[in-house]
């Protein structure tokens, strides 16, 4: 599921006509960090998501929905193991 997050960041950044460097400057981070997120090598810290959402419409909602799905799968698998 988290692979989608990186793809969403890239898609929304491009849709907003931003380079990695421009987004990085707005977030006060390196453009390399943006690249790492977009390639799903690392993920943004949850504390920066509201700031990212300012610049990339709907990203926070998408991310949180994915996290709920992951949590539900974990809970379901836990109960199936019993």
Protein backbone atom coordinates (compact mmCIF):
# COMPACT_ATOMS: atom_id res chain seq x y z
CA UNK A 1 0.00 0.00 0.00
CA UNK A 2 2.75 2.50 0.83
CA UNK A 3 4.07 2.26 -2.73
CA UNK A 4 0.99 4.24 -3.68
CA UNK A 5 2.03 7.11 -1.43
CA UNK A 6 5.21 7.78 -3.41
CA UNK A 7 3.34 7.59 -6.70
CA UNK A 8 0.67 9.94 -5.35
CA UNK A 9 3.30 12.47 -4.26
CA UNK A 10 4.89 12.40 -7.72
CA UNK A 11 1.55 12.62 -9.54
CA UNK A 12 0.19 15.46 -7.42
CA UNK A 13 3.48 17.37 -7.52
CA UNK A 14 3.51 17.18 -11.31
CA UNK A 15 -0.18 18.08 -11.51
CA UNK A 16 0.67 21.20 -9.53
CA UNK A 17 3.50 21.98 -11.98
CA UNK A 18 6.16 21.71 -9.28
CA UNK A 19 9.65 20.30 -9.48
CA UNK A 20 11.05 18.20 -6.68
CA UNK A 21 13.29 21.13 -5.80
CA UNK A 22 10.35 23.55 -5.58
CA UNK A 23 8.36 21.26 -3.31
CA UNK A 24 11.43 20.59 -1.21
CA UNK A 25 12.04 24.31 -0.75
CA UNK A 26 8.46 24.86 0.41
CA UNK A 27 8.84 22.01 2.93
CA UNK A 28 12.35 23.06 4.02
CA UNK A 29 13.80 19.68 3.13
CA UNK A 30 16.15 18.40 0.42
CA UNK A 31 15.00 17.54 -3.08
CA UNK A 32 16.65 14.16 -2.49
CA UNK A 33 14.07 13.46 0.24
CA UNK A 34 11.26 14.10 -2.24
CA UNK A 35 12.93 11.75 -4.72
CA UNK A 36 13.27 9.05 -2.05
CA UNK A 37 9.54 9.33 -1.24
CA UNK A 38 8.54 9.22 -4.88
CA UNK A 39 10.61 6.08 -5.45
CA UNK A 40 9.18 4.52 -2.25
CA UNK A 41 12.66 4.15 -0.75
CA UNK A 42 11.58 6.15 2.30
CA UNK A 43 8.33 7.73 3.45
CA UNK A 44 7.56 11.18 4.82
CA UNK A 45 7.28 11.50 8.56
CA UNK A 46 3.64 11.76 9.62
CA UNK A 47 4.33 15.15 11.21
CA UNK A 48 5.12 16.68 7.79
CA UNK A 49 1.95 15.38 6.10
CA UNK A 50 -0.18 18.45 6.91
CA UNK A 51 2.51 20.66 5.37
CA UNK A 52 2.69 18.43 2.28
CA UNK A 53 -1.11 18.53 2.00
CA UNK A 54 -0.97 22.34 1.75
CA UNK A 55 0.86 21.98 -1.53
CA UNK A 56 -0.44 18.66 -2.84
CA UNK A 57 -4.22 18.56 -2.76
CA UNK A 58 -5.84 15.56 -1.08
CA UNK A 59 -2.55 13.81 -0.21
CA UNK A 60 -3.25 13.71 3.51
CA UNK A 61 -6.69 12.17 3.00
CA UNK A 62 -5.32 9.55 0.61
CA UNK A 63 -2.48 8.66 2.99
CA UNK A 64 -4.72 8.33 6.02
CA UNK A 65 -7.22 6.19 4.11
CA UNK A 66 -4.40 3.85 3.11
CA UNK A 67 -3.24 3.63 6.71
CA UNK A 68 -6.74 2.65 7.83
CA UNK A 69 -6.78 -0.13 5.23
CA UNK A 70 -3.41 -1.40 6.45
CA UNK A 71 -4.53 -1.33 10.09
CA UNK A 72 -7.74 -3.18 9.22
CA UNK A 73 -5.73 -5.89 7.42
CA UNK A 74 -3.46 -6.28 10.44
CA UNK A 75 -6.43 -6.57 12.79
CA UNK A 76 -8.17 -9.06 10.49
CA UNK A 77 -5.07 -11.23 10.17
CA UNK A 78 -4.60 -11.14 13.94
CA UNK A 79 -8.11 -12.47 14.54
CA UNK A 80 -7.77 -15.09 11.81
CA UNK A 81 -4.65 -16.45 13.55
CA UNK A 82 -6.60 -17.23 16.73
